[in-house]
Amino acid sequence: MDERPPITADTLELLHLNQIAIRAALEEVSLWISQRGSTNVHDNILSILHTLDTNAEAIASGIESLRSM
């Protein structure tokens, strides 16, 4: 049996969890920045968060596919 798909899925899942944690941290910083009046920076970060969310969905789907192999 080939061990690569489970190892790859496990590794990608850890990276995915890191991405989720980084997203949460960015959101906290963005809210802090917004509260201090820098709405342009906050808006830019919200755009980046949207990209992270989109990519996270694709990563989760890929992990699910690897696990079903």
PDB file of N, CA and C in Angstrom:
ATOM      1  N   MET A   1       0.839  -1.186   0.000  1.00  0.00           N
ATOM      2  CA  MET A   1       0.000   0.000   0.000  1.00  0.00           C
ATOM      3  C   MET A   1       0.885   1.251   0.000  1.00  0.00           C
ATOM      4  N   ASP A   2       0.507   2.234  -0.772  1.00  0.00           N
ATOM      5  CA  ASP A   2       1.256   3.481  -0.882  1.00  0.00           C
ATOM      6  C   ASP A   2       0.924   4.394   0.293  1.00  0.00           C
ATOM      7  N   GLU A   3       1.948   4.792   1.047  1.00  0.00           N
ATOM      8  CA  GLU A   3       1.761   5.643   2.226  1.00  0.00           C
ATOM      9  C   GLU A   3       1.754   7.131   1.886  1.00  0.00           C
ATOM     10  N   ARG A   4       2.045   7.476   0.638  1.00  0.00           N
ATOM     11  CA  ARG A   4       2.154   8.892   0.294  1.00  0.00           C
ATOM     12  C   ARG A   4       0.865   9.683   0.456  1.00  0.00           C
ATOM     13  N   PRO A   5      -0.295   9.193  -0.019  1.00  0.00           N
ATOM     14  CA  PRO A   5      -1.518  10.009   0.163  1.00  0.00           C
ATOM     15  C   PRO A   5      -1.831  10.342   1.629  1.00  0.00           C
ATOM     16  N   PRO A   6      -1.755   9.370   2.574  1.00  0.00           N
ATOM     17  CA  PRO A   6      -2.038   9.752   3.964  1.00  0.00           C
ATOM     18  C   PRO A   6      -1.011  10.731   4.535  1.00  0.00           C
ATOM     19  N   ILE A   7       0.264  10.527   4.215  1.00  0.00           N
ATOM     20  CA  ILE A   7       1.300  11.438   4.712  1.00  0.00           C
ATOM     21  C   ILE A   7       1.095  12.825   4.105  1.00  0.00           C
ATOM     22  N   THR A   8       0.799  12.872   2.838  1.00  0.00           N
ATOM     23  CA  THR A   8       0.555  14.150   2.173  1.00  0.00           C
ATOM     24  C   THR A   8      -0.667  14.836   2.772  1.00  0.00           C
ATOM     25  N   ALA A   9      -1.730  14.072   2.993  1.00  0.00           N
ATOM     26  CA  ALA A   9      -2.947  14.643   3.579  1.00  0.00           C
ATOM     27  C   ALA A   9      -2.676  15.163   4.984  1.00  0.00           C
ATOM     28  N   ASP A  10      -1.929  14.411   5.783  1.00  0.00           N
ATOM     29  CA  ASP A  10      -1.604  14.856   7.140  1.00  0.00           C
ATOM     30  C   ASP A  10      -0.790  16.145   7.121  1.00  0.00           C
ATOM     31  N   THR A  11       0.186  16.214   6.223  1.00  0.00           N
ATOM     32  CA  THR A  11       1.028  17.402   6.122  1.00  0.00           C
ATOM     33  C   THR A  11       0.217  18.601   5.653  1.00  0.00           C
ATOM     34  N   LEU A  12      -0.609  18.393   4.644  1.00  0.00           N
ATOM     35  CA  LEU A  12      -1.452  19.486   4.153  1.00  0.00           C
ATOM     36  C   LEU A  12      -2.444  19.947   5.219  1.00  0.00           C
ATOM     37  N   GLU A  13      -2.939  19.012   6.009  1.00  0.00           N
ATOM     38  CA  GLU A  13      -3.878  19.389   7.065  1.00  0.00           C
ATOM     39  C   GLU A  13      -3.199  20.285   8.100  1.00  0.00           C
ATOM     40  N   LEU A  14      -1.953  19.996   8.426  1.00  0.00           N
ATOM     41  CA  LEU A  14      -1.217  20.855   9.363  1.00  0.00           C
ATOM     42  C   LEU A  14      -1.006  22.248   8.768  1.00  0.00           C
ATOM     43  N   LEU A  15      -0.657  22.304   7.495  1.00  0.00           N
ATOM     44  CA  LEU A  15      -0.507  23.605   6.835  1.00  0.00           C
ATOM     45  C   LEU A  15      -1.845  24.346   6.800  1.00  0.00           C
ATOM     46  N   HIS A  16      -2.911  23.617   6.570  1.00  0.00           N
ATOM     47  CA  HIS A  16      -4.254  24.203   6.550  1.00  0.00           C
ATOM     48  C   HIS A  16      -4.601  24.788   7.922  1.00  0.00           C
ATOM     49  N   LEU A  17      -4.281  24.060   8.982  1.00  0.00           N
ATOM     50  CA  LEU A  17      -4.537  24.562  10.335  1.00  0.00           C
ATOM     51  C   LEU A  17      -3.706  25.811  10.619  1.00  0.00           C
ATOM     52  N   ASN A  18      -2.473  25.825  10.124  1.00  0.00           N
ATOM     53  CA  ASN A  18      -1.649  27.031  10.262  1.00  0.00           C
ATOM     54  C   ASN A  18      -2.282  28.208   9.526  1.00  0.00           C
ATOM     55  N   GLN A  19      -2.805  27.948   8.344  1.00  0.00           N
ATOM     56  CA  GLN A  19      -3.445  29.005   7.563  1.00  0.00           C
ATOM     57  C   GLN A  19      -4.654  29.553   8.311  1.00  0.00           C
ATOM     58  N   ILE A  20      -5.426  28.681   8.927  1.00  0.00           N
ATOM     59  CA  ILE A  20      -6.591  29.116   9.694  1.00  0.00           C
ATOM     60  C   ILE A  20      -6.163  29.977  10.882  1.00  0.00           C
ATOM     61  N   ALA A  21      -5.092  29.578  11.547  1.00  0.00           N
ATOM     62  CA  ALA A  21      -4.592  30.348  12.691  1.00  0.00           C
ATOM     63  C   ALA A  21      -4.067  31.714  12.249  1.00  0.00           C
ATOM     64  N   ILE A  22      -3.354  31.751  11.138  1.00  0.00           N
ATOM     65  CA  ILE A  22      -2.845  33.023  10.614  1.00  0.00           C
ATOM     66  C   ILE A  22      -4.009  33.923  10.220  1.00  0.00           C
ATOM     67  N   ARG A  23      -5.037  33.348   9.634  1.00  0.00           N
ATOM     68  CA  ARG A  23      -6.215  34.119   9.257  1.00  0.00           C
ATOM     69  C   ARG A  23      -6.857  34.748  10.486  1.00  0.00           C
ATOM     70  N   ALA A  24      -6.996  33.959  11.552  1.00  0.00           N
ATOM     71  CA  ALA A  24      -7.604  34.474  12.780  1.00  0.00           C
ATOM     72  C   ALA A  24      -6.764  35.612  13.370  1.00  0.00           C
ATOM     73  N   ALA A  25      -5.452  35.452  13.340  1.00  0.00           N
ATOM     74  CA  ALA A  25      -4.565  36.499  13.862  1.00  0.00           C
ATOM     75  C   ALA A  25      -4.677  37.771  13.025  1.00  0.00           C
ATOM     76  N   LEU A  26      -4.714  37.625  11.700  1.00  0.00           N
ATOM     77  CA  LEU A  26      -4.865  38.787  10.831  1.00  0.00           C
ATOM     78  C   LEU A  26      -6.183  39.505  11.081  1.00  0.00           C
ATOM     79  N   GLU A  27      -7.217  38.735  11.319  1.00  0.00           N
ATOM     80  CA  GLU A  27      -8.522  39.339  11.588  1.00  0.00           C
ATOM     81  C   GLU A  27      -8.480  40.153  12.884  1.00  0.00           C
ATOM     82  N   GLU A  28      -7.846  39.612  13.916  1.00  0.00           N
ATOM     83  CA  GLU A  28      -7.705  40.336  15.181  1.00  0.00           C
ATOM     84  C   GLU A  28      -6.926  41.637  14.984  1.00  0.00           C
ATOM     85  N   VAL A  29      -5.818  41.571  14.264  1.00  0.00           N
ATOM     86  CA  VAL A  29      -5.008  42.761  14.009  1.00  0.00           C
ATOM     87  C   VAL A  29      -5.810  43.768  13.183  1.00  0.00           C
ATOM     88  N   SER A  30      -6.550  43.268  12.215  1.00  0.00           N
ATOM     89  CA  SER A  30      -7.354  44.138  11.369  1.00  0.00           C
ATOM     90  C   SER A  30      -8.405  44.891  12.186  1.00  0.00           C
ATOM     91  N   LEU A  31      -9.057  44.197  13.093  1.00  0.00           N
ATOM     92  CA  LEU A  31     -10.049  44.854  13.943  1.00  0.00           C
ATOM     93  C   LEU A  31      -9.391  45.907  14.834  1.00  0.00           C
ATOM     94  N   TRP A  32      -8.229  45.587  15.359  1.00  0.00           N
ATOM     95  CA  TRP A  32      -7.491  46.525  16.200  1.00  0.00           C
ATOM     96  C   TRP A  32      -7.126  47.775  15.398  1.00  0.00           C
ATOM     97  N   ILE A  33      -6.657  47.572  14.171  1.00  0.00           N
ATOM     98  CA  ILE A  33      -6.294  48.682  13.296  1.00  0.00           C
ATOM     99  C   ILE A  33      -7.523  49.525  12.963  1.00  0.00           C
ATOM    100  N   SER A  34      -8.621  48.864  12.666  1.00  0.00           N
ATOM    101  CA  SER A  34      -9.859  49.564  12.334  1.00  0.00           C
ATOM    102  C   SER A  34     -10.339  50.436  13.486  1.00  0.00           C
ATOM    103  N   GLN A  35     -10.240  49.919  14.700  1.00  0.00           N
ATOM    104  CA  GLN A  35     -10.666  50.672  15.883  1.00  0.00           C
ATOM    105  C   GLN A  35      -9.817  51.928  16.086  1.00  0.00           C
ATOM    106  N   ARG A  36      -8.647  51.955  15.502  1.00  0.00           N
ATOM    107  CA  ARG A  36      -7.766  53.107  15.633  1.00  0.00           C
ATOM    108  C   ARG A  36      -7.843  54.037  14.423  1.00  0.00           C
ATOM    109  N   GLY A  37      -8.838  53.804  13.575  1.00  0.00           N
ATOM    110  CA  GLY A  37      -9.146  54.736  12.500  1.00  0.00           C
ATOM    111  C   GLY A  37      -8.536  54.464  11.145  1.00  0.00           C
ATOM    112  N   SER A  38      -7.779  53.432  10.989  1.00  0.00           N
ATOM    113  CA  SER A  38      -7.153  53.155   9.696  1.00  0.00           C
ATOM    114  C   SER A  38      -8.027  52.182   8.899  1.00  0.00           C
ATOM    115  N   THR A  39      -9.121  52.717   8.385  1.00  0.00           N
ATOM    116  CA  THR A  39     -10.097  51.865   7.691  1.00  0.00           C
ATOM    117  C   THR A  39      -9.574  51.331   6.361  1.00  0.00           C
ATOM    118  N   ASN A  40      -8.664  52.072   5.699  1.00  0.00           N
ATOM    119  CA  ASN A  40      -8.111  51.576   4.431  1.00  0.00           C
ATOM    120  C   ASN A  40      -7.322  50.289   4.638  1.00  0.00           C
ATOM    121  N   VAL A  41      -6.514  50.263   5.681  1.00  0.00           N
ATOM    122  CA  VAL A  41      -5.735  49.057   5.981  1.00  0.00           C
ATOM    123  C   VAL A  41      -6.684  47.919   6.336  1.00  0.00           C
ATOM    124  N   HIS A  42      -7.696  48.225   7.125  1.00  0.00           N
ATOM    125  CA  HIS A  42      -8.688  47.212   7.512  1.00  0.00           C
ATOM    126  C   HIS A  42      -9.363  46.621   6.269  1.00  0.00           C
ATOM    127  N   ASP A  43      -9.773  47.476   5.353  1.00  0.00           N
ATOM    128  CA  ASP A  43     -10.414  47.003   4.120  1.00  0.00           C
ATOM    129  C   ASP A  43      -9.481  46.130   3.289  1.00  0.00           C
ATOM    130  N   ASN A  44      -8.201  46.516   3.215  1.00  0.00           N
ATOM    131  CA  ASN A  44      -7.227  45.702   2.479  1.00  0.00           C
ATOM    132  C   ASN A  44      -7.070  44.328   3.115  1.00  0.00           C
ATOM    133  N   ILE A  45      -7.028  44.285   4.434  1.00  0.00           N
ATOM    134  CA  ILE A  45      -6.892  43.009   5.127  1.00  0.00           C
ATOM    135  C   ILE A  45      -8.124  42.147   4.913  1.00  0.00           C
ATOM    136  N   LEU A  46      -9.315  42.763   4.903  1.00  0.00           N
ATOM    137  CA  LEU A  46     -10.535  41.990   4.644  1.00  0.00           C
ATOM    138  C   LEU A  46     -10.483  41.321   3.271  1.00  0.00           C
ATOM    139  N   SER A  47      -9.921  42.013   2.298  1.00  0.00           N
ATOM    140  CA  SER A  47      -9.763  41.434   0.964  1.00  0.00           C
ATOM    141  C   SER A  47      -8.824  40.226   1.005  1.00  0.00           C
ATOM    142  N   ILE A  48      -7.748  40.369   1.740  1.00  0.00           N
ATOM    143  CA  ILE A  48      -6.791  39.265   1.889  1.00  0.00           C
ATOM    144  C   ILE A  48      -7.444  38.087   2.611  1.00  0.00           C
ATOM    145  N   LEU A  49      -8.249  38.385   3.624  1.00  0.00           N
ATOM    146  CA  LEU A  49      -8.932  37.318   4.356  1.00  0.00           C
ATOM    147  C   LEU A  49      -9.876  36.547   3.446  1.00  0.00           C
ATOM    148  N   HIS A  50     -10.522  37.246   2.533  1.00  0.00           N
ATOM    149  CA  HIS A  50     -11.405  36.580   1.574  1.00  0.00           C
ATOM    150  C   HIS A  50     -10.614  35.583   0.716  1.00  0.00           C
ATOM    151  N   THR A  51      -9.431  35.998   0.281  1.00  0.00           N
ATOM    152  CA  THR A  51      -8.573  35.105  -0.508  1.00  0.00           C
ATOM    153  C   THR A  51      -8.152  33.892   0.324  1.00  0.00           C
ATOM    154  N   LEU A  52      -7.784  34.125   1.585  1.00  0.00           N
ATOM    155  CA  LEU A  52      -7.410  33.006   2.456  1.00  0.00           C
ATOM    156  C   LEU A  52      -8.575  32.033   2.627  1.00  0.00           C
ATOM    157  N   ASP A  53      -9.795  32.568   2.783  1.00  0.00           N
ATOM    158  CA  ASP A  53     -10.970  31.703   2.927  1.00  0.00           C
ATOM    159  C   ASP A  53     -11.201  30.859   1.679  1.00  0.00           C
ATOM    160  N   THR A  54     -11.079  31.481   0.521  1.00  0.00           N
ATOM    161  CA  THR A  54     -11.265  30.762  -0.746  1.00  0.00           C
ATOM    162  C   THR A  54     -10.236  29.649  -0.889  1.00  0.00           C
ATOM    163  N   ASN A  55      -8.985  29.978  -0.609  1.00  0.00           N
ATOM    164  CA  ASN A  55      -7.929  28.975  -0.717  1.00  0.00           C
ATOM    165  C   ASN A  55      -8.084  27.880   0.330  1.00  0.00           C
ATOM    166  N   ALA A  56      -8.536  28.234   1.521  1.00  0.00           N
ATOM    167  CA  ALA A  56      -8.728  27.236   2.576  1.00  0.00           C
ATOM    168  C   ALA A  56      -9.776  26.205   2.160  1.00  0.00           C
ATOM    169  N   GLU A  57     -10.823  26.658   1.485  1.00  0.00           N
ATOM    170  CA  GLU A  57     -11.851  25.728   1.002  1.00  0.00           C
ATOM    171  C   GLU A  57     -11.264  24.750  -0.012  1.00  0.00           C
ATOM    172  N   ALA A  58     -10.427  25.252  -0.905  1.00  0.00           N
ATOM    173  CA  ALA A  58      -9.803  24.388  -1.912  1.00  0.00           C
ATOM    174  C   ALA A  58      -8.833  23.404  -1.262  1.00  0.00           C
ATOM    175  N   ILE A  59      -8.083  23.879  -0.282  1.00  0.00           N
ATOM    176  CA  ILE A  59      -7.151  22.997   0.425  1.00  0.00           C
ATOM    177  C   ILE A  59      -7.916  21.897   1.158  1.00  0.00           C
ATOM    178  N   ALA A  60      -8.988  22.262   1.838  1.00  0.00           N
ATOM    179  CA  ALA A  60      -9.796  21.268   2.558  1.00  0.00           C
ATOM    180  C   ALA A  60     -10.353  20.227   1.597  1.00  0.00           C
ATOM    181  N   SER A  61     -10.779  20.668   0.436  1.00  0.00           N
ATOM    182  CA  SER A  61     -11.296  19.735  -0.574  1.00  0.00           C
ATOM    183  C   SER A  61     -10.201  18.793  -1.061  1.00  0.00           C
ATOM    184  N   GLY A  62      -9.004  19.328  -1.276  1.00  0.00           N
ATOM    185  CA  GLY A  62      -7.887  18.486  -1.709  1.00  0.00           C
ATOM    186  C   GLY A  62      -7.503  17.466  -0.656  1.00  0.00           C
ATOM    187  N   ILE A  63      -7.512  17.880   0.598  1.00  0.00           N
ATOM    188  CA  ILE A  63      -7.199  16.954   1.694  1.00  0.00           C
ATOM    189  C   ILE A  63      -8.235  15.841   1.742  1.00  0.00           C
ATOM    190  N   GLU A  64      -9.483  16.227   1.589  1.00  0.00           N
ATOM    191  CA  GLU A  64     -10.565  15.229   1.601  1.00  0.00           C
ATOM    192  C   GLU A  64     -10.382  14.220   0.468  1.00  0.00           C
ATOM    193  N   SER A  65      -9.999  14.696  -0.701  1.00  0.00           N
ATOM    194  CA  SER A  65      -9.752  13.808  -1.849  1.00  0.00           C
ATOM    195  C   SER A  65      -8.604  12.854  -1.573  1.00  0.00           C
ATOM    196  N   LEU A  66      -7.532  13.366  -0.984  1.00  0.00           N
ATOM    197  CA  LEU A  66      -6.388  12.495  -0.651  1.00  0.00           C
ATOM    198  C   LEU A  66      -6.781  11.429   0.371  1.00  0.00           C
ATOM    199  N   ARG A  67      -7.593  11.801   1.323  1.00  0.00           N
ATOM    200  CA  ARG A  67      -7.989  10.849   2.370  1.00  0.00           C
ATOM    201  C   ARG A  67      -8.906   9.748   1.825  1.00  0.00           C
ATOM    202  N   SER A  68      -9.603  10.038   0.749  1.00  0.00           N
ATOM    203  CA  SER A  68     -10.528   9.050   0.189  1.00  0.00           C
ATOM    204  C   SER A  68      -9.854   8.092  -0.783  1.00  0.00           C
ATOM    205  N   MET A  69      -8.548   8.296  -1.016  1.00  0.00           N
ATOM    206  CA  MET A  69      -7.817   7.430  -1.953  1.00  0.00           C
ATOM    207  C   MET A  69      -7.577   6.066  -1.337  1.00  0.00           C
TER     208      MET A  69
END
